[in-house]
N, C-alpha and C. Protein backbone atom coordinates (compact mmCIF):
# COMPACT_ATOMS: atom_id res chain seq x y z
N UNK A 1 -32.93 52.42 22.94
CA UNK A 1 -32.92 52.67 21.52
C UNK A 1 -31.74 52.11 20.86
N UNK A 2 -30.58 52.23 21.53
CA UNK A 2 -29.38 51.71 20.85
C UNK A 2 -29.43 50.28 20.49
N UNK A 3 -30.22 49.45 21.35
CA UNK A 3 -30.29 48.06 21.07
C UNK A 3 -31.02 47.83 19.70
N UNK A 4 -32.08 48.66 19.37
CA UNK A 4 -32.73 48.59 18.09
C UNK A 4 -31.94 48.99 16.95
N UNK A 5 -31.09 49.95 17.15
CA UNK A 5 -30.22 50.44 16.11
C UNK A 5 -29.34 49.33 15.56
N UNK A 6 -28.79 48.48 16.56
CA UNK A 6 -28.04 47.36 16.20
C UNK A 6 -28.66 46.14 15.62
N UNK A 7 -30.02 46.14 15.85
CA UNK A 7 -30.84 45.01 15.31
C UNK A 7 -31.22 45.25 13.93
N UNK A 8 -30.66 44.34 13.06
CA UNK A 8 -30.89 44.49 11.64
C UNK A 8 -32.33 44.31 11.19
N UNK A 9 -33.15 43.74 12.01
CA UNK A 9 -34.54 43.59 11.72
C UNK A 9 -35.43 44.75 11.90
N UNK A 10 -34.82 45.76 12.57
CA UNK A 10 -35.54 47.03 12.94
C UNK A 10 -35.04 48.05 11.94
N UNK A 11 -35.95 48.75 11.29
CA UNK A 11 -35.45 49.76 10.23
C UNK A 11 -34.96 51.13 10.80
N UNK A 12 -34.50 51.21 11.98
CA UNK A 12 -33.86 52.35 12.54
C UNK A 12 -32.48 52.45 12.27
N UNK A 13 -31.98 53.57 11.81
CA UNK A 13 -30.64 53.85 11.50
C UNK A 13 -30.08 55.05 12.25
N UNK A 14 -28.79 55.03 12.43
CA UNK A 14 -28.18 56.24 13.03
C UNK A 14 -26.96 56.61 12.23
N UNK A 15 -26.83 57.87 11.83
CA UNK A 15 -25.54 58.39 11.13
C UNK A 15 -24.81 59.20 12.16
N UNK A 16 -23.71 58.62 12.63
CA UNK A 16 -22.96 59.41 13.65
C UNK A 16 -22.31 60.70 13.01
N UNK A 17 -22.02 60.72 11.89
CA UNK A 17 -21.32 61.92 11.33
C UNK A 17 -22.31 63.16 11.43
N UNK A 18 -23.59 62.95 11.24
CA UNK A 18 -24.59 64.01 11.26
C UNK A 18 -25.42 63.97 12.55
N UNK A 19 -25.11 62.99 13.42
CA UNK A 19 -25.87 62.78 14.66
C UNK A 19 -27.47 62.67 14.23
N UNK A 20 -27.78 61.90 13.26
CA UNK A 20 -29.11 61.85 12.76
C UNK A 20 -29.71 60.46 12.80
N UNK A 21 -30.92 60.42 13.37
CA UNK A 21 -31.67 59.16 13.30
C UNK A 21 -32.64 59.07 12.25
N UNK A 22 -32.93 57.95 11.70
CA UNK A 22 -33.93 57.85 10.61
C UNK A 22 -34.53 56.38 10.54
N UNK A 23 -35.64 56.31 9.90
CA UNK A 23 -36.27 55.09 9.67
C UNK A 23 -36.10 54.70 8.13
N UNK A 24 -35.55 53.53 8.01
CA UNK A 24 -35.35 52.96 6.65
C UNK A 24 -36.62 52.67 6.00
N UNK A 25 -36.98 53.21 4.95
CA UNK A 25 -38.24 52.92 4.24
C UNK A 25 -37.96 51.76 3.26
N UNK A 26 -38.17 50.61 3.71
CA UNK A 26 -37.78 49.28 3.04
C UNK A 26 -38.50 49.09 1.67
N UNK A 27 -39.65 49.80 1.46
CA UNK A 27 -40.32 49.59 0.24
C UNK A 27 -39.77 50.61 -0.87
N UNK A 28 -38.96 51.42 -0.46
CA UNK A 28 -38.36 52.49 -1.27
C UNK A 28 -36.92 52.57 -0.98
N UNK A 29 -36.19 53.14 -1.91
CA UNK A 29 -34.69 53.31 -1.55
C UNK A 29 -34.59 54.69 -0.86
N UNK A 30 -35.13 54.88 0.33
CA UNK A 30 -35.14 56.20 1.05
C UNK A 30 -35.23 55.87 2.46
N UNK A 31 -35.08 57.07 3.21
CA UNK A 31 -35.29 56.93 4.64
C UNK A 31 -36.03 58.21 5.14
N UNK A 32 -36.54 58.11 6.29
CA UNK A 32 -37.27 59.29 6.83
C UNK A 32 -36.66 59.72 8.16
N UNK A 33 -36.10 60.97 8.25
CA UNK A 33 -35.45 61.41 9.45
C UNK A 33 -36.53 61.44 10.61
N UNK A 34 -36.09 61.20 11.86
CA UNK A 34 -36.97 61.29 12.97
C UNK A 34 -36.37 62.10 14.06
N UNK A 35 -37.25 62.84 14.77
CA UNK A 35 -36.84 63.87 15.77
C UNK A 35 -37.16 63.32 17.16
N UNK A 36 -37.92 62.27 17.27
CA UNK A 36 -38.36 61.81 18.59
C UNK A 36 -38.23 60.28 18.62
N UNK A 37 -37.90 59.74 19.83
CA UNK A 37 -37.85 58.28 20.02
C UNK A 37 -39.18 57.64 19.65
N UNK A 38 -39.10 56.62 18.78
CA UNK A 38 -40.41 56.00 18.38
C UNK A 38 -41.00 55.21 19.60
N UNK A 39 -40.27 54.88 20.65
CA UNK A 39 -40.69 54.08 21.81
C UNK A 39 -41.16 54.96 22.96
N UNK A 40 -40.37 55.95 23.31
CA UNK A 40 -40.74 56.66 24.58
C UNK A 40 -41.21 58.09 24.29
N UNK A 41 -41.02 58.58 23.02
CA UNK A 41 -41.42 59.91 22.59
C UNK A 41 -40.39 60.99 22.99
N UNK A 42 -39.29 60.76 23.62
CA UNK A 42 -38.30 61.67 23.99
C UNK A 42 -37.67 62.31 22.87
N UNK A 43 -37.50 63.62 22.84
CA UNK A 43 -36.75 64.40 21.72
C UNK A 43 -35.36 63.91 21.63
N UNK A 44 -35.04 63.67 20.39
CA UNK A 44 -33.64 63.13 20.11
C UNK A 44 -32.63 64.41 20.02
N UNK A 45 -31.35 64.19 20.10
CA UNK A 45 -30.41 65.28 20.00
C UNK A 45 -30.67 65.93 18.70
N UNK A 46 -30.22 67.15 18.66
CA UNK A 46 -30.31 68.04 17.39
C UNK A 46 -29.51 67.36 16.20
N UNK A 47 -30.05 67.27 15.11
CA UNK A 47 -29.40 66.78 13.91
C UNK A 47 -28.31 67.84 13.51
N UNK A 48 -27.23 67.42 13.04
CA UNK A 48 -26.12 68.38 12.79
C UNK A 48 -25.71 68.40 11.22
N UNK A 49 -26.47 67.98 10.44
CA UNK A 49 -26.18 67.98 9.07
C UNK A 49 -25.93 69.42 8.44
N UNK A 50 -26.75 70.32 8.88
CA UNK A 50 -26.69 71.74 8.29
C UNK A 50 -25.39 72.34 8.99
N UNK A 51 -25.09 72.06 10.26
CA UNK A 51 -23.94 72.63 11.01
C UNK A 51 -22.73 72.02 10.40
N UNK A 52 -22.71 70.80 9.93
CA UNK A 52 -21.55 70.18 9.23
C UNK A 52 -21.16 70.96 8.03
N UNK A 53 -22.08 71.24 7.15
CA UNK A 53 -21.83 71.98 5.94
C UNK A 53 -21.39 73.42 6.25
N UNK A 54 -22.11 74.10 7.23
CA UNK A 54 -21.76 75.44 7.65
C UNK A 54 -20.30 75.49 8.05
N UNK A 55 -19.87 74.64 8.97
CA UNK A 55 -18.57 74.69 9.57
C UNK A 55 -17.52 74.44 8.44
N UNK A 56 -17.74 73.39 7.53
CA UNK A 56 -16.78 73.24 6.49
C UNK A 56 -16.61 74.46 5.57
N UNK A 57 -17.73 75.06 5.32
CA UNK A 57 -17.68 76.34 4.36
C UNK A 57 -16.96 77.45 5.12
N UNK A 58 -17.30 77.63 6.44
CA UNK A 58 -16.76 78.77 7.17
C UNK A 58 -15.26 78.63 7.49
N UNK A 59 -14.95 77.42 8.06
CA UNK A 59 -13.58 77.20 8.59
C UNK A 59 -12.67 76.71 7.40
N UNK A 60 -13.13 75.98 6.36
CA UNK A 60 -12.26 75.36 5.36
C UNK A 60 -12.56 75.81 4.06
N UNK A 61 -13.51 76.69 3.79
CA UNK A 61 -14.04 77.15 2.47
C UNK A 61 -14.29 75.93 1.52
N UNK A 62 -14.92 74.94 2.11
CA UNK A 62 -15.36 73.75 1.42
C UNK A 62 -16.92 73.82 1.28
N UNK A 63 -17.35 74.00 0.07
CA UNK A 63 -18.74 74.21 -0.24
C UNK A 63 -19.43 72.98 -0.66
N UNK A 64 -18.70 71.98 -1.15
CA UNK A 64 -19.20 70.74 -1.74
C UNK A 64 -18.34 69.67 -1.22
N UNK A 65 -18.51 69.17 0.07
CA UNK A 65 -17.54 68.10 0.64
C UNK A 65 -17.66 66.76 0.00
N UNK A 66 -18.77 66.59 -0.76
CA UNK A 66 -18.93 65.27 -1.38
C UNK A 66 -18.70 65.28 -2.91
N UNK A 67 -18.31 66.48 -3.41
CA UNK A 67 -18.04 66.68 -4.82
C UNK A 67 -16.59 66.07 -5.05
N UNK A 68 -16.39 65.76 -6.26
CA UNK A 68 -15.16 65.06 -6.67
C UNK A 68 -13.90 66.04 -6.35
N UNK A 69 -14.03 67.34 -6.62
CA UNK A 69 -12.96 68.26 -6.48
C UNK A 69 -12.65 68.56 -5.05
N UNK A 70 -13.66 68.63 -4.17
CA UNK A 70 -13.35 69.05 -2.83
C UNK A 70 -13.35 67.91 -1.70
N UNK A 71 -13.77 66.71 -2.11
CA UNK A 71 -13.83 65.60 -1.20
C UNK A 71 -12.48 65.35 -0.56
N UNK A 72 -11.43 65.55 -1.34
CA UNK A 72 -10.12 65.25 -0.84
C UNK A 72 -9.56 66.28 0.15
N UNK A 73 -10.24 67.44 0.19
CA UNK A 73 -9.88 68.54 1.09
C UNK A 73 -10.53 68.46 2.48
N UNK A 74 -11.51 67.56 2.58
CA UNK A 74 -12.20 67.47 3.86
C UNK A 74 -11.31 66.90 4.94
N UNK A 75 -11.02 67.57 6.07
CA UNK A 75 -10.30 67.08 7.16
C UNK A 75 -10.83 65.69 7.70
N UNK A 76 -9.94 64.94 8.14
CA UNK A 76 -10.26 63.54 8.64
C UNK A 76 -11.32 63.63 9.67
N UNK A 77 -11.29 64.58 10.61
CA UNK A 77 -12.30 64.67 11.76
C UNK A 77 -13.69 64.75 11.17
N UNK A 78 -13.92 65.17 9.96
CA UNK A 78 -15.24 65.37 9.37
C UNK A 78 -15.70 64.08 8.68
N UNK A 79 -14.97 62.98 8.75
CA UNK A 79 -15.39 61.75 8.18
C UNK A 79 -16.00 60.83 9.30
N UNK A 80 -16.20 61.31 10.47
CA UNK A 80 -16.79 60.55 11.62
C UNK A 80 -17.46 61.67 12.50
N UNK A 81 -17.87 61.18 13.74
CA UNK A 81 -18.55 62.14 14.69
C UNK A 81 -17.50 62.94 15.45
N UNK A 82 -16.32 62.78 15.07
CA UNK A 82 -15.20 63.47 15.88
C UNK A 82 -15.52 64.98 15.76
N UNK A 83 -15.86 65.55 14.57
CA UNK A 83 -15.91 66.98 14.43
C UNK A 83 -16.89 67.71 15.36
N UNK A 84 -18.11 67.02 15.63
CA UNK A 84 -19.02 67.67 16.56
C UNK A 84 -18.71 67.40 17.96
N UNK A 85 -18.05 66.32 18.28
CA UNK A 85 -17.68 65.98 19.62
C UNK A 85 -16.52 67.01 20.03
N UNK A 86 -15.66 67.22 19.19
CA UNK A 86 -14.45 68.09 19.44
C UNK A 86 -14.92 69.49 19.72
N UNK A 87 -16.16 69.92 19.15
CA UNK A 87 -16.66 71.29 19.28
C UNK A 87 -17.69 71.36 20.33
N UNK A 88 -17.95 70.20 21.06
CA UNK A 88 -18.93 70.18 22.18
C UNK A 88 -20.37 70.46 21.70
N UNK A 89 -20.68 70.00 20.47
CA UNK A 89 -22.03 70.07 19.90
C UNK A 89 -22.91 68.98 20.40
C-alpha cells in the first residue's frame, strides 16, 4: 500500500499526524476516510484525529489547535506523527 501512497496517479493519501488514510475524491474538493486496505481488505491502524484533540485539550488546555489564537501554543511534536509515536499509540 505504501507504493500506492507515493504514486501521484493513485488517489490514496496518508496523513501521518492523524495516522489516517483517505481516498482523494478528484471530482470534488474532498476526501473519504478509509478503514480497510482497498487491495487486501486488512483493517488499517486506528485513526488518531480524535485522540490528537483530546490530548491537546487534556495535557495543554488547547481546545482549538488550528485557530489563530492557539495555533502558536501547539507543541512541535504535534506538528508531525511524533506525538503518537512518543506515546506508543
